Protein backbone atom coordinates (compact mmCIF):
# COMPACT_ATOMS: atom_id res chain seq x y z
CA MET A 1 86.21 124.56 113.66
CA SER A 2 86.12 126.36 117.05
CA GLN A 3 87.43 124.50 120.09
CA PRO A 4 84.19 123.99 121.96
CA ASP A 5 82.64 122.33 118.88
CA ALA A 6 85.31 119.57 118.63
CA ILE A 7 85.70 116.53 120.80
CA VAL A 8 89.06 115.59 119.27
CA MET A 9 91.56 118.05 117.92
CA ALA A 10 94.79 116.76 116.22
CA THR A 11 97.29 119.13 114.98
CA GLN A 12 100.53 117.89 112.95
CA VAL A 13 100.42 114.51 115.01
CA ARG A 14 103.03 112.14 114.49
CA LYS A 15 103.73 108.70 115.81
CA THR A 16 107.00 106.90 114.63
CA PHE A 17 108.10 103.14 115.29
CA ALA A 18 111.24 101.36 114.16
CA ALA A 19 110.75 99.84 110.70
CA PRO A 20 111.41 95.97 110.37
CA ALA A 21 113.97 96.86 107.73
CA GLY A 22 115.49 99.57 109.60
CA GLY A 23 114.82 103.33 109.81
CA PRO A 24 111.67 105.05 110.96
CA LEU A 25 108.11 104.15 110.16
CA HIS A 26 105.56 107.05 110.45
CA ALA A 27 102.59 105.23 111.51
CA VAL A 28 100.76 108.51 111.88
CA ASP A 29 102.46 111.34 109.80
CA ALA A 30 101.83 115.04 110.51
CA LEU A 31 98.09 114.35 110.57
CA SER A 32 95.43 116.95 111.51
CA LEU A 33 91.79 116.60 111.99
CA ALA A 34 88.86 117.93 114.23
CA VAL A 35 86.11 115.49 115.29
CA ARG A 36 82.64 116.99 116.03
CA ARG A 37 80.95 116.35 119.29
CA GLY A 38 77.82 114.18 119.37
CA GLU A 39 78.27 112.61 115.86
CA LEU A 40 79.19 109.29 114.43
CA THR A 41 82.57 109.59 112.77
CA ALA A 42 84.46 106.90 110.67
CA LEU A 43 88.26 106.49 109.95
CA VAL A 44 88.75 104.44 106.90
CA GLY A 45 91.84 103.26 105.01
CA PRO A 46 93.80 100.21 103.81
CA ASP A 47 96.04 97.98 106.00
CA GLY A 48 98.85 99.96 107.54
CA ALA A 49 97.05 103.34 107.15
CA GLY A 50 97.37 104.21 110.85
CA LYS A 51 93.87 103.97 112.00
CA THR A 52 94.60 101.96 115.11
CA THR A 53 97.66 103.89 116.10
CA LEU A 54 95.70 107.11 115.80
CA MET A 55 92.84 105.51 118.02
CA ARG A 56 95.37 104.21 120.65
CA MET A 57 96.66 107.72 120.94
CA MET A 58 93.22 109.27 121.25
CA ALA A 59 92.63 106.64 124.03
CA GLY A 60 95.91 107.71 125.86
CA LEU A 61 97.49 104.33 125.27
CA LEU A 62 100.25 105.86 123.02
CA LYS A 63 101.94 109.08 123.28
CA PRO A 64 102.43 111.30 120.19
CA ASP A 65 105.89 111.85 119.27
CA ALA A 66 105.21 115.46 117.65
CA GLY A 67 102.27 117.65 117.32
CA ALA A 68 99.21 118.31 119.57
CA LEU A 69 96.30 115.83 120.35
CA GLU A 70 93.38 117.03 122.57
CA VAL A 71 90.60 114.78 123.48
CA LEU A 72 87.62 116.27 125.41
CA GLY A 73 89.53 119.39 125.59
CA ILE A 74 92.40 117.51 127.43
CA ASP A 75 95.94 117.32 126.34
CA VAL A 76 96.24 113.43 126.06
CA ALA A 77 100.06 113.41 126.24
CA ALA A 78 100.15 115.55 129.37
CA ASP A 79 97.30 113.64 131.29
CA PRO A 80 96.26 110.37 129.47
CA GLN A 81 94.40 109.15 132.68
CA ALA A 82 91.99 112.11 132.72
CA VAL A 83 91.12 111.08 129.14
CA GLN A 84 90.76 107.45 129.87
CA ASP A 85 88.50 108.30 132.95
CA ARG A 86 85.88 109.73 130.47
CA ILE A 87 86.14 107.66 127.41
CA SER A 88 85.38 103.88 126.37
CA TYR A 89 87.58 102.19 124.05
CA MET A 90 86.90 98.77 122.41
CA PRO A 91 89.95 97.49 120.40
CA GLN A 92 89.78 94.90 117.65
CA ARG A 93 90.55 92.02 120.13
CA PHE A 94 88.56 92.92 123.13
CA GLY A 95 89.56 90.89 126.17
CA LEU A 96 86.48 88.94 127.48
CA TYR A 97 86.93 86.48 130.17
CA GLU A 98 85.75 83.28 128.44
CA ASP A 99 85.53 81.15 131.70
CA LEU A 100 83.22 83.95 133.24
CA SER A 101 79.44 84.21 132.46
CA VAL A 102 78.04 87.24 130.52
CA GLN A 103 76.81 88.75 134.01
CA GLU A 104 80.29 87.94 135.60
CA ASN A 105 82.06 89.75 132.65
CA LEU A 106 79.80 92.69 133.15
CA ASP A 107 80.32 92.92 136.83
CA LEU A 108 84.08 92.65 136.32
CA TYR A 109 84.38 95.59 134.08
CA ALA A 110 82.06 97.50 136.27
CA ASP A 111 84.50 96.93 139.01
CA LEU A 112 87.41 98.03 136.78
CA HIS A 113 85.79 101.21 135.88
CA GLY A 114 84.56 101.98 139.41
CA VAL A 115 80.89 102.06 138.40
CA PRO A 116 78.78 102.50 141.56
CA GLN A 117 76.55 99.72 142.58
CA ALA A 118 73.45 102.05 142.51
CA ALA A 119 74.04 102.80 138.75
CA ARG A 120 74.54 99.22 137.75
CA ARG A 121 71.24 97.71 137.75
CA GLU A 122 69.73 100.38 135.18
CA ARG A 123 72.94 100.40 133.11
CA PHE A 124 73.13 96.67 132.98
CA ALA A 125 69.53 96.14 131.98
CA ARG A 126 69.86 98.74 129.24
CA MET A 127 72.91 97.06 127.80
CA LEU A 128 71.46 93.57 128.09
CA ALA A 129 68.24 94.66 126.42
CA MET A 130 70.19 96.50 123.64
CA THR A 131 72.42 93.56 122.88
CA ASP A 132 69.68 91.01 123.34
CA LEU A 133 71.81 89.10 125.82
CA ALA A 134 69.50 89.14 128.77
CA ARG A 135 68.54 85.54 128.02
CA PHE A 136 72.29 84.57 128.27
CA THR A 137 73.56 86.15 131.41
CA GLN A 138 74.59 82.77 132.98
CA ARG A 139 76.24 81.36 129.77
CA PRO A 140 80.18 81.49 129.81
CA ALA A 141 81.39 84.15 127.31
CA GLY A 142 83.46 81.39 125.59
CA LYS A 143 80.37 79.56 124.59
CA LEU A 144 78.84 82.54 122.89
CA SER A 145 78.99 82.76 118.85
CA GLY A 146 81.44 85.43 117.41
CA GLY A 147 78.60 87.87 117.00
CA MET A 148 77.50 87.57 120.46
CA LYS A 149 80.91 88.10 121.86
CA GLN A 150 81.16 91.41 119.94
CA LYS A 151 77.93 92.51 121.53
CA LEU A 152 79.00 91.56 125.00
CA GLY A 153 82.35 93.22 124.26
CA LEU A 154 80.38 96.39 123.40
CA ALA A 155 78.36 96.11 126.54
CA CYS A 156 81.29 95.65 128.69
CA THR A 157 82.92 98.80 127.09
CA LEU A 158 79.61 100.72 127.97
CA VAL A 159 79.21 99.68 131.52
CA ARG A 160 79.73 103.35 132.36
CA SER A 161 78.23 106.15 130.10
CA PRO A 162 81.31 107.62 128.55
CA ASP A 163 81.82 110.98 126.90
CA LEU A 164 83.35 109.48 123.81
CA LEU A 165 83.38 105.90 122.46
CA LEU A 166 86.17 104.58 120.32
CA LEU A 167 85.57 101.30 118.36
CA ASP A 168 88.23 99.88 116.23
CA GLU A 169 86.84 97.67 113.60
CA PRO A 170 84.06 96.33 115.88
CA SER A 171 82.45 94.21 113.18
CA VAL A 172 85.45 92.34 111.75
CA GLY A 173 84.66 88.51 111.75
CA VAL A 174 80.91 88.89 112.56
CA ASP A 175 78.02 87.85 110.19
CA PRO A 176 75.59 90.44 108.63
CA LEU A 177 72.90 89.99 111.05
CA SER A 178 75.25 90.53 114.01
CA ARG A 179 76.67 93.43 112.17
CA ARG A 180 73.24 95.01 111.62
CA ASP A 181 72.39 94.61 115.23
CA LEU A 182 75.82 95.97 116.35
CA TRP A 183 75.19 99.06 114.32
CA GLN A 184 71.59 99.57 115.59
CA ILE A 185 73.15 99.61 119.04
CA VAL A 186 75.65 102.20 118.14
CA GLN A 187 73.08 104.49 116.33
CA GLN A 188 70.64 104.18 119.22
CA LEU A 189 73.47 105.46 121.53
CA VAL A 190 74.15 108.27 119.22
CA ASP A 191 70.56 109.25 118.81
CA ASP A 192 69.39 108.92 122.50
CA GLU A 193 72.46 109.89 124.29
CA ARG A 194 74.05 112.27 121.84
CA LEU A 195 77.08 110.08 122.37
CA SER A 196 80.23 110.86 120.18
CA VAL A 197 81.53 107.81 118.53
CA ILE A 198 84.67 107.24 116.41
CA VAL A 199 84.92 103.97 114.53
CA SER A 200 87.41 102.68 112.22
CA THR A 201 86.09 100.08 109.60
CA ALA A 202 86.83 98.34 106.59
CA TYR A 203 83.19 98.24 105.43
CA MET A 204 82.14 101.33 103.16
CA ASP A 205 78.52 100.64 103.91
CA GLU A 206 79.39 101.31 107.60
CA ALA A 207 81.30 104.54 106.97
CA GLN A 208 78.18 105.54 104.82
CA ARG A 209 76.25 105.76 108.17
CA CYS A 210 78.56 108.24 109.55
CA ALA A 211 78.23 112.08 109.72
CA GLN A 212 81.92 112.46 108.84
CA VAL A 213 84.44 110.21 107.20
CA TYR A 214 88.33 110.57 107.38
CA VAL A 215 90.20 108.58 104.79
CA MET A 216 93.78 107.65 105.77
CA HIS A 217 96.70 106.19 103.86
CA GLU A 218 100.22 105.59 105.16
CA GLY A 219 99.60 107.59 108.15
CA ARG A 220 98.43 110.73 106.44
CA LEU A 221 94.89 112.15 105.61
CA LEU A 222 93.88 111.64 102.26
CA ALA A 223 90.42 113.25 102.33
CA GLU A 224 87.59 114.21 104.77
CA GLY A 225 84.13 115.12 104.38
CA THR A 226 80.58 113.74 104.57
CA PRO A 227 79.86 110.55 102.91
CA THR A 228 77.85 112.31 100.19
CA ALA A 229 80.58 114.83 99.38
CA LEU A 230 83.21 112.16 99.22
CA THR A 231 81.01 109.91 97.01
CA ARG A 232 80.79 112.78 94.39
CA ARG A 233 84.40 112.08 93.56
CA ALA A 234 83.34 109.19 91.44
CA GLN A 235 80.30 110.92 89.80
CA GLY A 236 79.99 110.06 86.07
CA LEU A 237 82.52 107.26 86.06
CA THR A 238 80.58 104.39 87.53
CA PHE A 239 78.91 101.65 85.37
CA SER A 240 77.22 98.22 85.47
CA ALA A 241 78.03 95.51 82.96
CA GLN A 242 75.85 92.47 82.61
CA PRO A 243 77.71 89.57 81.09
CA PRO A 244 75.81 86.81 79.21
CA ALA A 245 74.12 84.13 81.42
CA GLU A 246 76.72 81.42 80.62
CA VAL A 247 79.65 83.56 81.73
CA PRO A 248 80.44 84.01 85.59
CA ALA A 249 80.38 87.66 86.60
CA ARG A 250 83.80 86.99 88.08
CA VAL A 251 85.37 86.22 84.59
CA LEU A 252 84.26 89.54 83.15
CA GLN A 253 85.40 91.23 86.47
CA ALA A 254 88.90 89.66 86.14
CA ARG A 255 89.11 91.05 82.57
CA LEU A 256 87.95 94.56 83.76
CA ILE A 257 90.21 94.78 86.81
CA ASP A 258 93.31 93.52 84.80
CA ALA A 259 92.81 96.58 82.40
CA ALA A 260 94.29 99.01 84.99
CA ALA A 261 94.88 101.73 82.46
CA LEU A 262 91.13 101.89 81.65
CA VAL A 263 89.33 100.66 84.74
CA VAL A 264 89.85 101.85 88.33
CA ASP A 265 88.01 98.92 89.94
CA ALA A 266 85.53 96.18 89.32
CA VAL A 267 83.44 94.08 91.50
CA PRO A 268 80.65 91.42 90.90
CA SER A 269 77.19 92.64 92.19
CA GLY A 270 73.88 91.10 91.74
CA GLY A 271 74.97 88.87 88.64
CA ALA A 272 76.33 91.90 86.99
CA VAL A 273 79.90 93.68 87.25
CA HIS A 274 80.09 97.28 88.86
CA PHE A 275 83.16 98.91 87.61
CA ILE A 276 84.72 102.54 87.57
CA ARG A 277 86.15 104.11 84.55
CA GLN A 278 89.47 105.85 84.84
CA PRO A 279 88.76 109.65 84.84
CA ASP A 280 90.92 110.67 81.91
CA VAL A 281 89.62 107.63 79.63
CA PRO A 282 86.81 108.46 77.11
CA ALA A 283 83.79 105.98 77.44
CA GLN A 284 84.31 104.80 73.72
CA ALA A 285 87.73 103.41 74.82
CA LEU A 286 86.15 100.64 76.71
CA ALA A 287 84.15 99.10 73.70
CA PRO A 288 87.01 96.70 72.79
CA LEU A 289 87.16 95.41 76.44
CA LEU A 290 83.48 95.04 76.85
CA GLY A 291 82.70 93.53 73.37
CA THR A 292 78.92 92.84 73.21
CA VAL A 293 78.51 92.94 76.94
CA ALA A 294 75.54 95.30 77.84
CA CYS A 295 76.73 98.29 79.85
CA GLN A 296 74.86 101.21 81.47
CA PRO A 297 75.59 103.90 84.17
CA ARG A 298 74.85 103.38 87.78
CA PRO A 299 74.67 105.57 90.94
CA GLU A 300 78.22 106.15 92.55
CA THR A 301 78.83 104.85 96.12
CA LEU A 302 81.23 105.69 98.80
CA GLU A 303 83.22 102.47 98.03
CA ASP A 304 83.79 103.76 94.51
CA ALA A 305 85.27 106.93 95.78
CA PHE A 306 87.19 105.08 98.27
CA MET A 307 88.72 102.84 95.73
CA MET A 308 89.60 105.66 93.42
CA MET A 309 91.59 107.22 96.15
CA LEU A 310 93.41 104.09 97.03
CA ARG A 311 94.33 103.29 93.38
CA GLN A 312 95.77 106.91 92.99
CA GLN A 313 98.14 106.33 95.93
CA GLN A 314 99.15 102.93 94.62
CA ALA A 315 102.83 102.75 93.52
CA PRO A 316 103.14 101.68 89.89
CA ASP A 317 105.87 99.07 90.90
CA GLN A 318 104.11 97.81 93.84
CA PRO A 319 104.31 93.91 93.77
CA ALA A 320 100.79 92.54 93.25
CA ALA A 321 99.48 88.95 93.76
CA ARG A 322 98.74 87.59 90.33
CA PRO A 323 97.58 84.50 88.53
CA ALA A 324 100.00 81.55 87.98
CA SER A 325 101.64 81.95 84.59
CA SER A 326 101.13 78.36 83.68
CA PRO A 327 97.88 77.06 85.16
CA ARG A 328 97.13 73.35 85.08
CA PRO A 329 94.59 72.32 82.22
CA ALA A 330 91.07 72.65 83.71
CA ALA A 331 89.20 69.40 84.24
CA ALA A 332 85.81 69.22 82.75
CA ARG A 333 82.88 69.89 85.09
CA ASP A 334 81.04 66.77 83.89
CA GLU A 335 83.81 64.33 85.28
CA GLY A 336 81.80 64.08 88.32
CA PRO A 337 81.92 65.97 91.71
CA VAL A 338 85.20 66.35 93.53
CA ILE A 339 83.25 66.61 96.89
CA VAL A 340 80.28 64.43 97.93
CA VAL A 341 78.36 65.21 101.21
CA ARG A 342 75.50 63.06 101.99
CA ASP A 343 73.30 63.22 105.21
CA LEU A 344 76.14 64.78 107.15
CA VAL A 345 75.48 65.00 110.88
CA ARG A 346 77.88 66.20 113.64
CA LYS A 347 76.74 66.28 117.33
CA PHE A 348 78.50 67.43 120.42
CA GLY A 349 76.82 65.61 123.17
CA ASP A 350 73.28 66.57 122.99
CA PHE A 351 73.76 69.48 120.68
CA THR A 352 73.47 69.00 116.96
CA ALA A 353 75.90 71.30 115.26
CA VAL A 354 75.23 70.02 111.68
CA ALA A 355 71.80 68.26 110.82
CA SER A 356 71.57 66.00 107.94
CA THR A 357 73.47 68.21 105.29
CA SER A 358 73.84 67.07 101.64
CA PHE A 359 75.61 68.70 98.68
CA ASP A 360 78.02 68.12 95.96
CA VAL A 361 80.91 70.40 94.63
CA ALA A 362 82.14 70.10 91.02
CA ARG A 363 85.88 70.24 89.95
CA GLY A 364 86.98 73.82 89.39
CA GLU A 365 83.91 75.17 91.06
CA ILE A 366 83.93 77.98 93.72
CA PHE A 367 81.59 76.99 96.49
CA GLY A 368 80.67 79.28 99.29
CA LEU A 369 79.61 78.16 102.77
CA LEU A 370 77.75 81.16 104.42
CA GLY A 371 75.92 81.44 107.85
CA PRO A 372 75.54 83.56 110.78
CA ASN A 373 78.05 83.03 113.67
CA GLY A 374 77.42 79.63 115.35
CA ALA A 375 75.48 78.34 112.23
CA GLY A 376 77.59 75.26 111.92
CA LYS A 377 79.38 76.29 108.93
CA THR A 378 82.94 76.14 110.66
CA THR A 379 81.94 72.37 111.76
CA THR A 380 80.98 71.52 108.17
CA PHE A 381 84.21 72.95 107.11
CA ARG A 382 86.40 71.18 109.47
CA MET A 383 84.59 67.81 108.41
CA LEU A 384 85.39 68.55 104.78
CA CYS A 385 89.03 69.33 105.59
CA GLY A 386 89.37 66.03 107.60
CA LEU A 387 90.05 67.87 110.78
CA LEU A 388 86.87 66.57 112.49
CA PRO A 389 85.14 63.24 112.05
CA ALA A 390 81.43 63.20 111.33
CA THR A 391 78.99 61.68 113.63
CA SER A 392 77.12 60.05 110.74
CA GLY A 393 76.70 60.45 107.00
CA HIS A 394 78.94 60.04 103.97
CA LEU A 395 81.83 62.44 103.09
CA GLU A 396 84.06 62.08 100.10
CA VAL A 397 86.78 64.42 99.09
CA ALA A 398 88.78 64.03 95.83
CA GLY A 399 87.33 60.54 95.29
CA LEU A 400 88.36 59.56 98.88
CA ASP A 401 86.10 58.43 101.73
CA LEU A 402 87.12 60.60 104.77
CA ARG A 403 86.24 57.59 107.13
CA THR A 404 88.82 55.26 105.67
CA ALA A 405 91.44 57.58 103.78
CA ARG A 406 91.61 60.96 105.70
CA ALA A 407 95.27 61.36 105.74
CA GLU A 408 95.51 60.54 102.08
CA ALA A 409 92.73 63.00 101.23
CA ARG A 410 94.64 65.71 103.24
CA GLY A 411 97.59 65.46 100.65
CA ARG A 412 95.22 66.62 98.06
CA ILE A 413 94.01 69.75 99.64
CA GLY A 414 95.26 73.12 100.85
CA TYR A 415 94.10 75.21 103.52
CA VAL A 416 94.13 78.78 104.56
CA SER A 417 92.72 79.67 107.99
CA GLN A 418 91.08 82.86 109.17
CA LYS A 419 93.77 83.63 111.74
CA PHE A 420 97.41 83.89 110.64
CA ALA A 421 98.75 80.49 111.23
CA LEU A 422 102.29 80.47 110.10
CA TYR A 423 105.55 81.07 112.17
CA SER A 424 105.61 84.79 112.90
CA ASN A 425 109.33 84.86 113.77
CA LEU A 426 110.46 83.14 110.50
CA THR A 427 111.10 84.94 107.22
CA VAL A 428 108.66 84.37 104.32
CA ARG A 429 111.35 82.07 102.57
CA GLU A 430 111.79 80.11 105.78
CA ASN A 431 107.99 79.70 106.26
CA LEU A 432 107.42 78.54 102.67
CA ALA A 433 110.43 76.11 102.89
CA PHE A 434 109.13 74.61 106.05
CA PHE A 435 105.51 74.13 104.83
CA GLY A 436 107.01 72.85 101.64
CA GLY A 437 108.89 70.10 103.62
CA ALA A 438 105.60 69.43 105.45
CA TYR A 439 103.90 68.64 102.22
CA GLY A 440 106.56 66.28 101.15
CA LEU A 441 108.57 68.71 98.91
CA ARG A 442 112.33 68.21 98.73
CA GLY A 443 115.44 69.57 97.11
CA ALA A 444 115.19 71.39 93.84
CA ALA A 445 111.39 70.80 93.62
CA ARG A 446 110.79 72.59 96.98
CA ARG A 447 113.16 75.52 96.05
CA GLU A 448 111.43 75.99 92.78
CA ARG A 449 107.83 75.99 94.21
CA VAL A 450 109.06 78.40 96.94
CA ALA A 451 110.41 80.75 94.51
CA ALA A 452 107.47 80.51 92.23
CA MET A 453 105.06 81.23 94.93
CA MET A 454 106.91 84.17 96.33
CA THR A 455 106.97 85.74 92.70
CA GLN A 456 103.32 84.87 92.15
CA PHE A 457 102.21 86.70 95.43
CA GLY A 458 104.71 89.57 95.38
CA LEU A 459 106.37 88.51 98.61
CA GLU A 460 109.65 89.72 99.82
CA PRO A 461 111.91 86.55 100.63
CA GLU A 462 113.57 87.99 103.77
CA ALA A 463 110.70 89.89 105.46
CA ILE A 464 109.76 88.74 108.81
CA SER A 465 106.28 87.14 108.52
CA GLY A 466 104.79 88.39 111.78
CA LEU A 467 105.69 91.88 110.95
CA LEU A 468 103.85 91.90 107.47
CA PRO A 469 100.65 94.03 106.95
CA GLY A 470 97.43 92.10 107.20
CA GLY A 471 97.06 91.77 103.26
CA TYR A 472 100.48 90.51 102.78
CA LYS A 473 100.20 87.99 105.65
CA GLN A 474 97.12 86.71 103.87
CA ARG A 475 99.28 86.42 100.62
CA LEU A 476 101.80 84.29 102.39
CA ALA A 477 99.11 81.99 103.95
CA MET A 478 97.68 81.43 100.50
CA ALA A 479 101.14 80.84 98.99
CA ALA A 480 101.80 78.10 101.78
CA GLY A 481 98.49 76.54 100.87
CA LEU A 482 99.24 76.21 97.24
CA LEU A 483 102.87 74.94 97.54
CA HIS A 484 101.91 71.39 96.71
CA GLU A 485 99.52 72.18 94.02
CA PRO A 486 96.42 70.84 95.64
CA ASP A 487 93.26 69.73 93.80
CA ILE A 488 91.05 71.54 96.44
CA LEU A 489 91.62 74.87 98.30
CA PHE A 490 89.87 75.48 101.61
CA LEU A 491 89.65 79.13 102.61
CA ASP A 492 88.24 80.00 106.08
CA GLU A 493 87.25 83.54 106.15
CA PRO A 494 90.56 84.44 104.49
CA THR A 495 89.73 88.17 104.00
CA SER A 496 88.57 88.87 107.48
CA GLY A 497 90.11 92.21 108.46
CA ILE A 498 91.78 93.02 105.41
CA ASP A 499 90.83 96.24 103.29
CA PRO A 500 88.98 96.17 99.83
CA LEU A 501 92.18 96.75 97.90
CA ALA A 502 93.64 93.37 99.26
CA ARG A 503 90.41 91.67 98.87
CA ARG A 504 90.20 92.53 95.09
CA ALA A 505 93.73 91.03 94.70
CA PHE A 506 92.85 88.11 96.61
CA TRP A 507 89.96 87.07 94.53
CA ARG A 508 91.68 87.88 91.20
CA VAL A 509 94.02 84.96 92.27
CA ILE A 510 91.04 82.79 93.28
CA THR A 511 89.37 83.28 89.98
CA ALA A 512 92.53 82.19 88.05
CA LEU A 513 93.01 79.15 90.22
CA ALA A 514 89.32 78.17 89.53
CA GLN A 515 89.95 78.54 85.97
CA SER A 516 92.91 76.08 86.12
CA GLY A 517 90.77 73.54 87.60
CA VAL A 518 91.32 73.99 91.40
CA THR A 519 88.12 73.58 93.43
CA ILE A 520 87.57 76.38 96.01
CA ILE A 521 85.46 76.10 99.21
CA VAL A 522 85.23 79.37 100.98
CA THR A 523 83.55 80.79 104.16
CA THR A 524 83.13 84.44 104.36
CA HIS A 525 81.15 87.20 106.14
CA PHE A 526 81.83 89.68 103.23
CA MET A 527 78.42 88.97 101.26
CA GLU A 528 79.86 90.85 98.05
CA GLU A 529 82.23 87.77 98.03
CA ALA A 530 79.42 85.46 97.61
CA GLU A 531 79.02 86.92 94.21
CA TYR A 532 82.28 85.35 93.05
CA CYS A 533 81.01 81.92 93.79
CA ASP A 534 79.33 79.58 91.31
CA ARG A 535 77.08 78.38 94.11
CA ILE A 536 76.52 79.00 97.73
CA ALA A 537 75.14 77.28 100.71
CA ILE A 538 73.57 79.10 103.68
CA GLN A 539 73.41 77.32 107.03
CA ASP A 540 71.74 78.32 110.29
CA ALA A 541 71.60 76.41 113.56
CA GLY A 542 73.00 73.35 111.73
CA ARG A 543 70.45 73.37 109.07
CA MET A 544 70.71 74.07 105.39
CA LEU A 545 68.58 76.98 104.41
CA ALA A 546 69.47 77.68 100.97
CA LEU A 547 71.76 76.07 98.23
CA GLY A 548 72.12 77.27 94.74
CA THR A 549 73.76 80.14 92.56
CA PRO A 550 73.83 83.57 93.87
CA GLN A 551 70.83 84.42 91.56
CA GLN A 552 68.88 81.46 92.75
CA VAL A 553 69.45 82.50 96.46
CA ARG A 554 68.34 85.99 95.77
CA GLU A 555 65.15 84.73 94.31
CA GLN A 556 64.49 82.40 97.24
CA ALA A 557 64.97 85.43 99.40
CA GLY A 558 62.06 87.06 97.56
CA GLY A 559 64.36 89.55 95.78
CA ASP A 560 65.25 90.36 92.09
CA ALA A 561 68.38 90.86 90.14
CA THR A 562 69.09 94.22 91.97
CA THR A 563 68.88 92.67 95.36
CA ASN A 564 72.19 92.65 97.04
CA MET A 565 73.52 89.42 98.72
CA ASN A 566 73.64 91.04 102.15
CA ASP A 567 69.97 91.78 102.18
CA ALA A 568 69.28 88.25 100.64
CA PHE A 569 71.31 86.51 103.31
CA ILE A 570 69.58 88.28 106.17
CA ALA A 571 66.14 87.50 104.60
CA ILE A 572 66.83 83.79 104.35
CA VAL A 573 68.22 83.38 107.75
CA GLU A 574 65.13 85.31 109.38
CA GLN A 575 62.78 83.20 107.13
CA GLY A 576 64.77 80.03 108.43
CA ARG A 577 64.41 81.15 112.05
CA VAL A 578 60.61 81.91 111.77
CA HIS A 579 60.14 78.42 110.21
CA ALA A 580 62.28 76.69 113.10
CA LEU A 581 60.23 78.60 115.66
CA HIS A 582 57.10 77.00 114.25
CA GLY A 583 58.11 73.36 114.75
CA ALA A 584 61.14 72.48 112.34
CA PRO A 585 62.68 69.58 114.32
CA GLU A 586 66.37 69.78 113.95
CA GLY A 587 69.25 72.08 114.59
CA GLN A 588 68.54 73.86 117.83
CA ALA A 589 70.25 77.24 117.87
CA ALA A 590 73.33 77.64 120.18
């Protein structure tokens, strides 16, 4: 590629940090690439691949240790300010001022970037229209939903018209509707302004939108090309298996993903299981694994090719999180529900966050709470955990009424939060020992449980917790939540921000826990994860919109067996909002 065609040119770029265990850590390692002008370009890769480090070097916030990096024809190492004057960069945790209104945040960022007063009116109007925030200019940023905060962050990033826009995982932690809106905005900028955009993402459907995709792993470039060209790597190896109606798709998925010598990857989808056969394995070798399960070829996707590349890089002796070796006997589903919710209401002043919600959860069931940002699912979740009292209604967990026995109920549950909530400066062993003590474990019993959890989740005892990659932090949080062998495990967006490889390992453990009789309540914005659930509930504006099996929800959305859960979710929420607009009395939107 000639110099004028490229907006970013990297030649043998390296960035090295001190590793926690001593010695160098090459976050970006002899990496070369050329990003074309006027296009949407994706950086994809697992946790620790070096995507954020590379972006920060492109933005002039980090200096390469070796190699050459030019952005907009400027040597970034020699003149980072010249680059920063012409680009806009939105990091993963964009710094909104939550006490300031939407308009005040826009004004502040315009001041910081020196945007002339004459240019602001038109630019602000365009950004507010694109992000649909014009109605909320006086609302404090801290009162916005997660999706609205992301859109405001993007608007603030674009208060000036840049020559290059860098987006570091902009859709982490936002729901499918907000994610769709965010990408419509980005695509409009590319189409209308020929803006050059580089985005890092954990979502392969987002990478699929891009003109060029760069796949990174451990600081190096694994592959590059158009989504179509990369997808061909999985050609002829992708299949769909349809288990019998009485067998949850996740059970077949677990069996397939455990057969690593035969199967590269497997994931539930639309009631079936989509899997990738190992390239050197003949099709007939899968017959004993599948038994009588119907199986047929399916079109390959970019995620299939991505998973193949990641599996090829995985060290054979890499410690993996795995199911407990001696699960507790599963309790029968007909023993009665382990969670009972009747007419649950939670109000904050005049605002109804949860409006008359009712459902049951059976023992050993995986139950998904889904909804857009600001839908009321986090409030419901906190009430179920005993962290927030209900305004009215009946709430029973593990046979205990949360109005009268909240503390006792908490001893029967485990909790894994969205954000890493353990002590970052302690080692893995120290964190687990501390939380074991908090759960009432003492002496030999605590030592045995801590050792068992470290083994089960493939954790290094002396590793500093805060320095672990995202996937391993999630493993540690899960281990801490399971130390006291709870009856019910609450997972609040536990896979937010971690790559597909880590998500597969996480759900393999969850499947085994459910088979052993542990009840799982999970919130997630990854709609593929709803396919692992026995039943899901979709909330919006405090109201329950759907409750049933994934198949029942797809049918309610007007789809069929081939409809993916992302499309079904969007359809149900949009149908619910139309219904609310025409006179539904409860649950006004935030």
